[in-house]
Amino acid sequence: YLQQNSANSRANNLDDSRPTCYGPNLRLSPTEFSILFHGVGGLTVHRACAETDIVAHIRPQAIFIQLGENDIDSHRSVQSIHLNVTKLLDDIYSTFPSVTAVFWGQLLPRLHTRIDPTVYSNKLHALNQLLKATDRQKFHYWPHFGFWKDSQLLFSSDGIHLNSRGQHLLARSIRGATLRYRAISAVRSVACLPDSQSLR
């Protein structure tokens, strides 16, 4: 399950004929994975708790959240945004026991911002550092690579939404997180097995 705002939510609509790793189900085997995308225009962490009803309906095992850029591009402080992040995580864990992992994607730069660009950049760095240091069970901060060099090549003309090249890059990263979750789950499954002595 992928929760995101409109700036990042177009990726699952990429033409499946394109030579990319993205497309239906992140081009992962449907016998192993069932991936649902959910994008809401203008969504903020502050509003996200109202969107958790869909999680209850589908009962996912893992959630990837790409959310927070709209919060940064506002009057909200970094501390208040992070507080809302932890509240959302706690709400997910307490309400939906089916969720065994939450991945939060590294927040991305923007070419055009409502607030001063330098302020946005400083808040972006500070919030990413707080997310990286977040200590919550089942929580994983997921870094994205490739967005910090030649960023102007990855955005559409509005400077906020990713273009197809940027979406492809984001898709590869989210696909990597999905495969990482499978590896983590496999390790946990093995760890829960009886040891050889107890089987005798």
C-alpha atoms as a PDB file:
ATOM      1  CA  TYR A   1       0.000   0.000   0.000  1.00  0.00           C
ATOM      2  CA  LEU A   2       1.426   3.385  -1.029  1.00  0.00           C
ATOM      3  CA  GLN A   3       0.124   6.651   0.465  1.00  0.00           C
ATOM      4  CA  GLN A   4       1.257   9.835  -1.235  1.00  0.00           C
ATOM      5  CA  ASN A   5       0.317  13.337  -2.309  1.00  0.00           C
ATOM      6  CA  SER A   6      -0.344  14.425  -5.889  1.00  0.00           C
ATOM      7  CA  ALA A   7       3.254  15.487  -6.473  1.00  0.00           C
ATOM      8  CA  ASN A   8       4.256  11.821  -6.397  1.00  0.00           C
ATOM      9  CA  SER A   9       1.031   9.963  -7.170  1.00  0.00           C
ATOM     10  CA  ARG A  10       1.213   9.873 -10.963  1.00  0.00           C
ATOM     11  CA  ALA A  11       3.872   7.203 -11.155  1.00  0.00           C
ATOM     12  CA  ASN A  12       1.511   4.247 -11.218  1.00  0.00           C
ATOM     13  CA  ASN A  13      -0.071   5.698 -14.361  1.00  0.00           C
ATOM     14  CA  LEU A  14       3.094   5.468 -16.416  1.00  0.00           C
ATOM     15  CA  ASP A  15       2.568   3.824 -19.777  1.00  0.00           C
ATOM     16  CA  ASP A  16       3.334   0.135 -19.240  1.00  0.00           C
ATOM     17  CA  SER A  17       5.048   0.013 -22.648  1.00  0.00           C
ATOM     18  CA  ARG A  18       7.815   2.290 -21.423  1.00  0.00           C
ATOM     19  CA  PRO A  19      11.119   0.488 -20.735  1.00  0.00           C
ATOM     20  CA  THR A  20      10.975   1.148 -16.994  1.00  0.00           C
ATOM     21  CA  CYS A  21      10.642  -0.953 -13.865  1.00  0.00           C
ATOM     22  CA  TYR A  22       7.365   0.776 -13.094  1.00  0.00           C
ATOM     23  CA  GLY A  23       3.895  -0.176 -14.206  1.00  0.00           C
ATOM     24  CA  PRO A  24       1.120  -2.284 -12.738  1.00  0.00           C
ATOM     25  CA  ASN A  25       2.089  -3.732  -9.367  1.00  0.00           C
ATOM     26  CA  LEU A  26       5.567  -2.171  -9.663  1.00  0.00           C
ATOM     27  CA  ARG A  27       6.240  -4.974 -12.142  1.00  0.00           C
ATOM     28  CA  LEU A  28       6.465  -7.415  -9.287  1.00  0.00           C
ATOM     29  CA  SER A  29       4.928 -10.862  -9.323  1.00  0.00           C
ATOM     30  CA  PRO A  30       1.208 -10.665  -8.416  1.00  0.00           C
ATOM     31  CA  THR A  31       1.548 -14.035  -6.712  1.00  0.00           C
ATOM     32  CA  GLU A  32       3.972 -12.453  -4.215  1.00  0.00           C
ATOM     33  CA  PHE A  33       2.820  -8.852  -4.054  1.00  0.00           C
ATOM     34  CA  SER A  34      -0.440  -6.957  -4.336  1.00  0.00           C
ATOM     35  CA  ILE A  35       0.273  -3.225  -4.426  1.00  0.00           C
ATOM     36  CA  LEU A  36      -2.329  -0.484  -4.125  1.00  0.00           C
ATOM     37  CA  PHE A  37      -1.581   3.171  -4.838  1.00  0.00           C
ATOM     38  CA  HIS A  38      -3.536   5.916  -3.106  1.00  0.00           C
ATOM     39  CA  GLY A  39      -2.802   9.546  -3.949  1.00  0.00           C
ATOM     40  CA  VAL A  40      -4.620  12.602  -2.631  1.00  0.00           C
ATOM     41  CA  GLY A  41      -4.032  16.041  -4.115  1.00  0.00           C
ATOM     42  CA  GLY A  42      -2.668  18.497  -1.571  1.00  0.00           C
ATOM     43  CA  LEU A  43      -2.488  15.869   1.157  1.00  0.00           C
ATOM     44  CA  THR A  44      -0.466  16.748   4.226  1.00  0.00           C
ATOM     45  CA  VAL A  45       0.647  14.703   7.208  1.00  0.00           C
ATOM     46  CA  HIS A  46      -1.665  16.919   9.215  1.00  0.00           C
ATOM     47  CA  ARG A  47      -4.669  15.623   7.218  1.00  0.00           C
ATOM     48  CA  ALA A  48      -3.493  12.069   6.654  1.00  0.00           C
ATOM     49  CA  CYS A  49      -5.202  10.500   9.662  1.00  0.00           C
ATOM     50  CA  ALA A  50      -8.522  11.088   7.909  1.00  0.00           C
ATOM     51  CA  GLU A  51      -7.331   8.901   5.033  1.00  0.00           C
ATOM     52  CA  THR A  52      -6.551   5.780   7.092  1.00  0.00           C
ATOM     53  CA  ASP A  53     -10.013   4.287   6.510  1.00  0.00           C
ATOM     54  CA  ILE A  54      -8.783   2.756   3.254  1.00  0.00           C
ATOM     55  CA  VAL A  55      -6.063   0.931   5.188  1.00  0.00           C
ATOM     56  CA  ALA A  56      -8.725  -0.697   7.341  1.00  0.00           C
ATOM     57  CA  HIS A  57     -10.533  -1.858   4.208  1.00  0.00           C
ATOM     58  CA  ILE A  58      -7.547  -3.488   2.485  1.00  0.00           C
ATOM     59  CA  ARG A  59      -5.620  -4.553   5.611  1.00  0.00           C
ATOM     60  CA  PRO A  60      -2.087  -4.237   4.189  1.00  0.00           C
ATOM     61  CA  GLN A  61       0.971  -5.852   5.654  1.00  0.00           C
ATOM     62  CA  ALA A  62       3.211  -2.911   4.768  1.00  0.00           C
ATOM     63  CA  ILE A  63       2.693   0.760   3.972  1.00  0.00           C
ATOM     64  CA  PHE A  64       5.020   3.077   2.054  1.00  0.00           C
ATOM     65  CA  ILE A  65       4.337   6.733   2.802  1.00  0.00           C
ATOM     66  CA  GLN A  66       5.674   9.536   0.623  1.00  0.00           C
ATOM     67  CA  LEU A  67       4.275  12.522   2.434  1.00  0.00           C
ATOM     68  CA  GLY A  68       5.433  15.763   4.028  1.00  0.00           C
ATOM     69  CA  GLU A  69       6.539  18.041   1.209  1.00  0.00           C
ATOM     70  CA  ASN A  70       3.249  19.973   1.310  1.00  0.00           C
ATOM     71  CA  ASP A  71       3.659  20.404   5.071  1.00  0.00           C
ATOM     72  CA  ILE A  72       7.175  21.766   4.595  1.00  0.00           C
ATOM     73  CA  ASP A  73       5.923  24.214   1.958  1.00  0.00           C
ATOM     74  CA  SER A  74       3.704  25.930   4.536  1.00  0.00           C
ATOM     75  CA  HIS A  75       3.882  27.879   7.787  1.00  0.00           C
ATOM     76  CA  ARG A  76       4.153  24.678   9.859  1.00  0.00           C
ATOM     77  CA  SER A  77       7.353  24.170  11.819  1.00  0.00           C
ATOM     78  CA  VAL A  78       9.564  21.129  11.368  1.00  0.00           C
ATOM     79  CA  GLN A  79       8.851  20.060  14.935  1.00  0.00           C
ATOM     80  CA  SER A  80       5.069  20.204  14.486  1.00  0.00           C
ATOM     81  CA  ILE A  81       5.273  18.242  11.232  1.00  0.00           C
ATOM     82  CA  HIS A  82       7.365  15.537  12.864  1.00  0.00           C
ATOM     83  CA  LEU A  83       4.962  15.390  15.783  1.00  0.00           C
ATOM     84  CA  ASN A  84       2.154  14.706  13.310  1.00  0.00           C
ATOM     85  CA  VAL A  85       4.300  11.996  11.695  1.00  0.00           C
ATOM     86  CA  THR A  86       4.677  10.188  15.017  1.00  0.00           C
ATOM     87  CA  LYS A  87       0.973  10.603  15.761  1.00  0.00           C
ATOM     88  CA  LEU A  88       0.106   9.082  12.390  1.00  0.00           C
ATOM     89  CA  LEU A  89       2.482   6.171  12.948  1.00  0.00           C
ATOM     90  CA  ASP A  90       1.064   5.472  16.393  1.00  0.00           C
ATOM     91  CA  ASP A  91      -2.464   5.649  14.999  1.00  0.00           C
ATOM     92  CA  ILE A  92      -1.610   3.162  12.242  1.00  0.00           C
ATOM     93  CA  TYR A  93       0.007   0.717  14.655  1.00  0.00           C
ATOM     94  CA  SER A  94      -2.762   0.866  17.227  1.00  0.00           C
ATOM     95  CA  THR A  95      -5.667   0.741  14.770  1.00  0.00           C
ATOM     96  CA  PHE A  96      -4.419  -1.676  12.109  1.00  0.00           C
ATOM     97  CA  PRO A  97      -2.660  -4.735  13.552  1.00  0.00           C
ATOM     98  CA  SER A  98      -2.204  -6.187  10.051  1.00  0.00           C
ATOM     99  CA  VAL A  99       0.550  -3.618   9.384  1.00  0.00           C
ATOM    100  CA  THR A 100       3.965  -5.064  10.166  1.00  0.00           C
ATOM    101  CA  ALA A 101       6.116  -2.334   8.578  1.00  0.00           C
ATOM    102  CA  VAL A 102       5.832   1.318   7.611  1.00  0.00           C
ATOM    103  CA  PHE A 103       8.378   2.777   5.202  1.00  0.00           C
ATOM    104  CA  TRP A 104       8.569   6.569   5.040  1.00  0.00           C
ATOM    105  CA  GLY A 105      10.247   7.883   1.917  1.00  0.00           C
ATOM    106  CA  GLN A 106      12.876  10.602   2.120  1.00  0.00           C
ATOM    107  CA  LEU A 107      11.173  13.914   1.418  1.00  0.00           C
ATOM    108  CA  LEU A 108      12.032  15.422  -1.946  1.00  0.00           C
ATOM    109  CA  PRO A 109      13.162  18.844  -3.136  1.00  0.00           C
ATOM    110  CA  ARG A 110      11.006  21.199  -5.196  1.00  0.00           C
ATOM    111  CA  LEU A 111      11.966  23.667  -7.878  1.00  0.00           C
ATOM    112  CA  HIS A 112       9.102  26.051  -7.078  1.00  0.00           C
ATOM    113  CA  THR A 113       7.847  26.650  -3.553  1.00  0.00           C
ATOM    114  CA  ARG A 114       5.222  28.822  -1.868  1.00  0.00           C
ATOM    115  CA  ILE A 115       7.640  29.731   0.916  1.00  0.00           C
ATOM    116  CA  ASP A 116      11.170  31.051   0.476  1.00  0.00           C
ATOM    117  CA  PRO A 117      13.233  28.394  -1.380  1.00  0.00           C
ATOM    118  CA  THR A 118      16.052  28.554   1.164  1.00  0.00           C
ATOM    119  CA  VAL A 119      13.593  28.095   4.027  1.00  0.00           C
ATOM    120  CA  TYR A 120      12.055  25.111   2.210  1.00  0.00           C
ATOM    121  CA  SER A 121      15.481  23.565   1.682  1.00  0.00           C
ATOM    122  CA  ASN A 122      16.469  24.021   5.328  1.00  0.00           C
ATOM    123  CA  LYS A 123      13.168  22.586   6.591  1.00  0.00           C
ATOM    124  CA  LEU A 124      13.488  19.684   4.143  1.00  0.00           C
ATOM    125  CA  HIS A 125      16.924  18.765   5.450  1.00  0.00           C
ATOM    126  CA  ALA A 126      15.875  19.126   9.082  1.00  0.00           C
ATOM    127  CA  LEU A 127      12.730  17.015   8.705  1.00  0.00           C
ATOM    128  CA  ASN A 128      14.549  14.287   6.794  1.00  0.00           C
ATOM    129  CA  GLN A 129      17.058  14.119   9.627  1.00  0.00           C
ATOM    130  CA  LEU A 130      14.242  13.786  12.163  1.00  0.00           C
ATOM    131  CA  LEU A 131      12.570  11.072  10.095  1.00  0.00           C
ATOM    132  CA  LYS A 132      15.844   9.206   9.829  1.00  0.00           C
ATOM    133  CA  ALA A 133      16.214   9.321  13.613  1.00  0.00           C
ATOM    134  CA  THR A 134      12.589   8.381  14.337  1.00  0.00           C
ATOM    135  CA  ASP A 135      12.483   5.560  16.850  1.00  0.00           C
ATOM    136  CA  ARG A 136       9.253   3.641  16.327  1.00  0.00           C
ATOM    137  CA  GLN A 137       8.771  -0.093  16.136  1.00  0.00           C
ATOM    138  CA  LYS A 138       8.174  -1.324  12.571  1.00  0.00           C
ATOM    139  CA  PHE A 139       9.273   2.069  11.162  1.00  0.00           C
ATOM    140  CA  HIS A 140      11.804   2.335   8.341  1.00  0.00           C
ATOM    141  CA  TYR A 141      13.153   5.555   6.854  1.00  0.00           C
ATOM    142  CA  TRP A 142      13.773   4.977   3.147  1.00  0.00           C
ATOM    143  CA  PRO A 143      16.312   7.193   1.320  1.00  0.00           C
ATOM    144  CA  HIS A 144      15.793   8.081  -2.325  1.00  0.00           C
ATOM    145  CA  PHE A 145      18.846   8.461  -4.560  1.00  0.00           C
ATOM    146  CA  GLY A 146      19.272  10.587  -7.674  1.00  0.00           C
ATOM    147  CA  PHE A 147      17.006  13.507  -6.781  1.00  0.00           C
ATOM    148  CA  TRP A 148      19.680  15.854  -5.508  1.00  0.00           C
ATOM    149  CA  LYS A 149      21.735  16.294  -8.676  1.00  0.00           C
ATOM    150  CA  ASP A 150      20.236  17.859 -11.813  1.00  0.00           C
ATOM    151  CA  SER A 151      16.872  18.082 -10.070  1.00  0.00           C
ATOM    152  CA  GLN A 152      15.562  20.371 -12.795  1.00  0.00           C
ATOM    153  CA  LEU A 153      15.475  17.372 -15.141  1.00  0.00           C
ATOM    154  CA  LEU A 154      13.080  15.454 -12.886  1.00  0.00           C
ATOM    155  CA  PHE A 155      10.185  17.885 -12.503  1.00  0.00           C
ATOM    156  CA  SER A 156       7.324  19.013 -14.675  1.00  0.00           C
ATOM    157  CA  SER A 157       6.936  22.665 -15.619  1.00  0.00           C
ATOM    158  CA  ASP A 158       5.215  23.555 -12.333  1.00  0.00           C
ATOM    159  CA  GLY A 159       8.366  22.623 -10.400  1.00  0.00           C
ATOM    160  CA  ILE A 160       6.337  20.569  -7.906  1.00  0.00           C
ATOM    161  CA  HIS A 161       5.138  17.415  -9.652  1.00  0.00           C
ATOM    162  CA  LEU A 162       7.655  14.882 -10.915  1.00  0.00           C
ATOM    163  CA  ASN A 163       7.859  14.304 -14.657  1.00  0.00           C
ATOM    164  CA  SER A 164       8.056  10.813 -16.157  1.00  0.00           C
ATOM    165  CA  ARG A 165      11.808  10.657 -15.558  1.00  0.00           C
ATOM    166  CA  GLY A 166      11.366  11.641 -11.915  1.00  0.00           C
ATOM    167  CA  GLN A 167       8.506   9.183 -11.503  1.00  0.00           C
ATOM    168  CA  HIS A 168      10.662   6.417 -12.929  1.00  0.00           C
ATOM    169  CA  LEU A 169      13.378   7.213 -10.402  1.00  0.00           C
ATOM    170  CA  LEU A 170      10.885   7.270  -7.544  1.00  0.00           C
ATOM    171  CA  ALA A 171       9.341   4.022  -8.773  1.00  0.00           C
ATOM    172  CA  ARG A 172      12.660   2.223  -8.708  1.00  0.00           C
ATOM    173  CA  SER A 173      13.222   3.380  -5.147  1.00  0.00           C
ATOM    174  CA  ILE A 174       9.779   2.280  -3.939  1.00  0.00           C
ATOM    175  CA  ARG A 175      10.251  -1.042  -5.715  1.00  0.00           C
ATOM    176  CA  GLY A 176      13.500  -1.414  -3.781  1.00  0.00           C
ATOM    177  CA  ALA A 177      11.696  -0.754  -0.514  1.00  0.00           C
ATOM    178  CA  THR A 178       9.111  -3.393  -1.418  1.00  0.00           C
ATOM    179  CA  LEU A 179      11.817  -5.970  -2.027  1.00  0.00           C
ATOM    180  CA  ARG A 180      13.510  -4.914   1.194  1.00  0.00           C
ATOM    181  CA  TYR A 181      10.285  -5.582   3.051  1.00  0.00           C
ATOM    182  CA  ARG A 182      10.167  -9.087   1.580  1.00  0.00           C
ATOM    183  CA  ALA A 183      13.724  -9.709   2.804  1.00  0.00           C
ATOM    184  CA  ILE A 184      12.905  -8.408   6.292  1.00  0.00           C
ATOM    185  CA  SER A 185       9.774 -10.548   6.433  1.00  0.00           C
ATOM    186  CA  ALA A 186      11.716 -13.628   5.381  1.00  0.00           C
ATOM    187  CA  VAL A 187      14.299 -13.093   8.122  1.00  0.00           C
ATOM    188  CA  ARG A 188      11.559 -12.668  10.722  1.00  0.00           C
ATOM    189  CA  SER A 189       9.830 -15.820   9.522  1.00  0.00           C
ATOM    190  CA  VAL A 190      13.023 -17.836   9.855  1.00  0.00           C
ATOM    191  CA  ALA A 191      13.655 -16.356  13.299  1.00  0.00           C
ATOM    192  CA  CYS A 192      10.235 -17.554  14.433  1.00  0.00           C
ATOM    193  CA  LEU A 193      10.822 -21.138  13.393  1.00  0.00           C
ATOM    194  CA  PRO A 194      11.626 -23.708  16.108  1.00  0.00           C
ATOM    195  CA  ASP A 195      15.327 -24.443  16.332  1.00  0.00           C
ATOM    196  CA  SER A 196      16.661 -27.870  15.433  1.00  0.00           C
ATOM    197  CA  GLN A 197      16.847 -28.965  19.075  1.00  0.00           C
ATOM    198  CA  SER A 198      13.169 -28.306  19.687  1.00  0.00           C
ATOM    199  CA  LEU A 199      12.201 -30.359  16.646  1.00  0.00           C
ATOM    200  CA  ARG A 200      13.726 -33.537  18.087  1.00  0.00           C
END
